[in-house]
C-alpha atoms as a PDB file:
ATOM      1  CA  MET A   1     146.607  38.521 188.799  1.00  0.00           C
ATOM      2  CA  ASN A   2     147.189  42.342 188.610  1.00  0.00           C
ATOM      3  CA  TRP A   3     146.337  44.696 186.454  1.00  0.00           C
ATOM      4  CA  LYS A   4     149.722  46.336 184.681  1.00  0.00           C
ATOM      5  CA  VAL A   5     149.994  49.525 183.719  1.00  0.00           C
ATOM      6  CA  TYR A   6     152.058  50.429 180.687  1.00  0.00           C
ATOM      7  CA  LYS A   7     153.235  53.559 178.859  1.00  0.00           C
ATOM      8  CA  HIS A   8     154.090  53.473 175.275  1.00  0.00           C
ATOM      9  CA  ASN A   9     158.237  54.139 175.067  1.00  0.00           C
ATOM     10  CA  GLY A  10     158.673  55.692 171.622  1.00  0.00           C
ATOM     11  CA  ARG A  11     159.202  52.557 170.190  1.00  0.00           C
ATOM     12  CA  TYR A  12     156.664  49.415 171.955  1.00  0.00           C
ATOM     13  CA  ILE A  13     153.454  50.345 173.395  1.00  0.00           C
ATOM     14  CA  GLN A  14     153.666  48.593 175.965  1.00  0.00           C
ATOM     15  CA  GLY A  15     156.927  49.739 176.712  1.00  0.00           C
ATOM     16  CA  ASP A  16     157.666  51.399 180.361  1.00  0.00           C
ATOM     17  CA  LEU A  17     155.834  49.251 183.352  1.00  0.00           C
ATOM     18  CA  VAL A  18     154.128  52.344 185.686  1.00  0.00           C
ATOM     19  CA  SER A  19     152.456  50.891 187.991  1.00  0.00           C
ATOM     20  CA  THR A  20     150.319  47.250 189.118  1.00  0.00           C
ATOM     21  CA  HIS A  21     147.164  47.351 190.818  1.00  0.00           C
ATOM     22  CA  LYS A  22     144.862  44.581 191.885  1.00  0.00           C
ATOM     23  CA  THR A  23     141.195  46.361 190.855  1.00  0.00           C
ATOM     24  CA  GLU A  24     140.598  47.563 187.181  1.00  0.00           C
ATOM     25  CA  THR A  25     139.448  50.971 188.494  1.00  0.00           C
ATOM     26  CA  ALA A  26     142.694  51.367 190.308  1.00  0.00           C
ATOM     27  CA  ALA A  27     144.574  51.018 187.067  1.00  0.00           C
ATOM     28  CA  LEU A  28     142.339  53.013 185.077  1.00  0.00           C
ATOM     29  CA  LYS A  29     142.836  56.170 187.664  1.00  0.00           C
ATOM     30  CA  ARG A  30     146.274  55.108 187.481  1.00  0.00           C
ATOM     31  CA  ALA A  31     146.419  55.444 184.008  1.00  0.00           C
ATOM     32  CA  LYS A  32     145.007  58.682 183.856  1.00  0.00           C
ATOM     33  CA  LYS A  33     146.949  60.354 185.867  1.00  0.00           C
ATOM     34  CA  GLU A  34     150.275  59.496 184.520  1.00  0.00           C
ATOM     35  CA  ILE A  35     149.504  58.784 180.802  1.00  0.00           C
ATOM     36  CA  ASP A  36     146.506  61.535 180.168  1.00  0.00           C
ATOM     37  CA  PHE A  37     144.781  59.233 177.479  1.00  0.00           C
ATOM     38  CA  LYS A  38     141.722  60.890 175.790  1.00  0.00           C
ATOM     39  CA  PHE A  39     140.328  57.063 174.647  1.00  0.00           C
ATOM     40  CA  SER A  40     139.806  53.407 175.778  1.00  0.00           C
ATOM     41  CA  GLU A  41     139.232  50.288 173.971  1.00  0.00           C
ATOM     42  CA  ARG A  42     138.733  47.130 176.102  1.00  0.00           C
ATOM     43  CA  GLU A  43     139.625  43.618 174.397  1.00  0.00           C
ATOM     44  CA  LYS A  44     139.088  40.710 176.094  1.00  0.00           C
ATOM     45  CA  LYS A  45     141.090  37.678 174.371  1.00  0.00           C
ATOM     46  CA  LYS A  46     141.130  33.880 175.752  1.00  0.00           C
ATOM     47  CA  ASN A  47     143.976  34.273 178.393  1.00  0.00           C
ATOM     48  CA  GLU A  48     144.011  38.166 179.129  1.00  0.00           C
ATOM     49  CA  ILE A  49     142.410  41.637 179.197  1.00  0.00           C
ATOM     50  CA  LEU A  50     143.964  44.412 177.223  1.00  0.00           C
ATOM     51  CA  ILE A  51     142.615  47.877 177.549  1.00  0.00           C
ATOM     52  CA  TRP A  52     144.064  49.949 174.669  1.00  0.00           C
ATOM     53  CA  LEU A  53     144.645  53.628 175.535  1.00  0.00           C
ATOM     54  CA  ASP A  54     144.759  56.326 173.099  1.00  0.00           C
ATOM     55  CA  GLY A  55     145.796  59.872 173.146  1.00  0.00           C
ATOM     56  CA  GLU A  56     143.734  62.965 171.444  1.00  0.00           C
ATOM     57  CA  ASN A  57     144.363  61.750 167.446  1.00  0.00           C
ATOM     58  CA  HIS A  58     143.862  58.532 168.679  1.00  0.00           C
ATOM     59  CA  MET A  59     147.522  57.679 168.865  1.00  0.00           C
ATOM     60  CA  PRO A  60     148.708  54.848 170.841  1.00  0.00           C
ATOM     61  CA  VAL A  61     149.801  55.837 174.109  1.00  0.00           C
ATOM     62  CA  GLY A  62     149.540  52.457 176.820  1.00  0.00           C
ATOM     63  CA  VAL A  63     148.207  50.008 177.386  1.00  0.00           C
ATOM     64  CA  ILE A  64     146.622  47.682 180.860  1.00  0.00           C
ATOM     65  CA  VAL A  65     147.293  44.376 180.535  1.00  0.00           C
ATOM     66  CA  HIS A  66     145.264  41.652 182.908  1.00  0.00           C
ATOM     67  CA  GLU A  67     146.505  38.360 182.282  1.00  0.00           C
ATOM     68  CA  LEU A  68     143.775  35.680 183.380  1.00  0.00           C
ATOM     69  CA  LYS A  69     144.527  32.399 185.651  1.00  0.00           C
ATOM     70  CA  LYS A  70     146.312  29.669 183.390  1.00  0.00           C
ATOM     71  CA  GLY A  71     144.966  26.858 186.183  1.00  0.00           C
ATOM     72  CA  THR A  72     143.863  23.515 185.227  1.00  0.00           C
ATOM     73  CA  LYS A  73     140.285  22.160 187.040  1.00  0.00           C
ATOM     74  CA  ARG A  74     140.955  19.943 190.461  1.00  0.00           C
ATOM     75  CA  ILE A  75     140.328  16.655 189.760  1.00  0.00           C
ATOM     76  CA  ARG A  76     138.810  14.652 193.077  1.00  0.00           C
ATOM     77  CA  GLN A  77     140.734  11.308 193.384  1.00  0.00           C
ATOM     78  CA  GLY A  78     139.008   8.776 195.463  1.00  0.00           C
ATOM     79  CA  LYS A  79     136.793   5.289 195.611  1.00  0.00           C
ATOM     80  CA  LYS A  80     133.585   5.371 192.649  1.00  0.00           C
ATOM     81  CA  LYS A  81     130.564   4.764 194.305  1.00  0.00           C
ATOM     82  CA  GLU A  82     128.622   2.122 192.833  1.00  0.00           C
END
């Protein structure tokens, strides 16, 4: 799963997609270059990781989103050993 960098478009914080990256550090570097944020806060939920990006006055300017894998565990089928 990729890290997606979104920029506030005046209406939504997760407005315009800026870029996608394979690592968190690459996404943060690109966000620093494109969005110019001052503060960041990492939030981990059940199925995703969000990094909120805020400006000087703690106004939201963007977000980095990483969706965690949604797969189920694989069950092996076969003969039971007795």
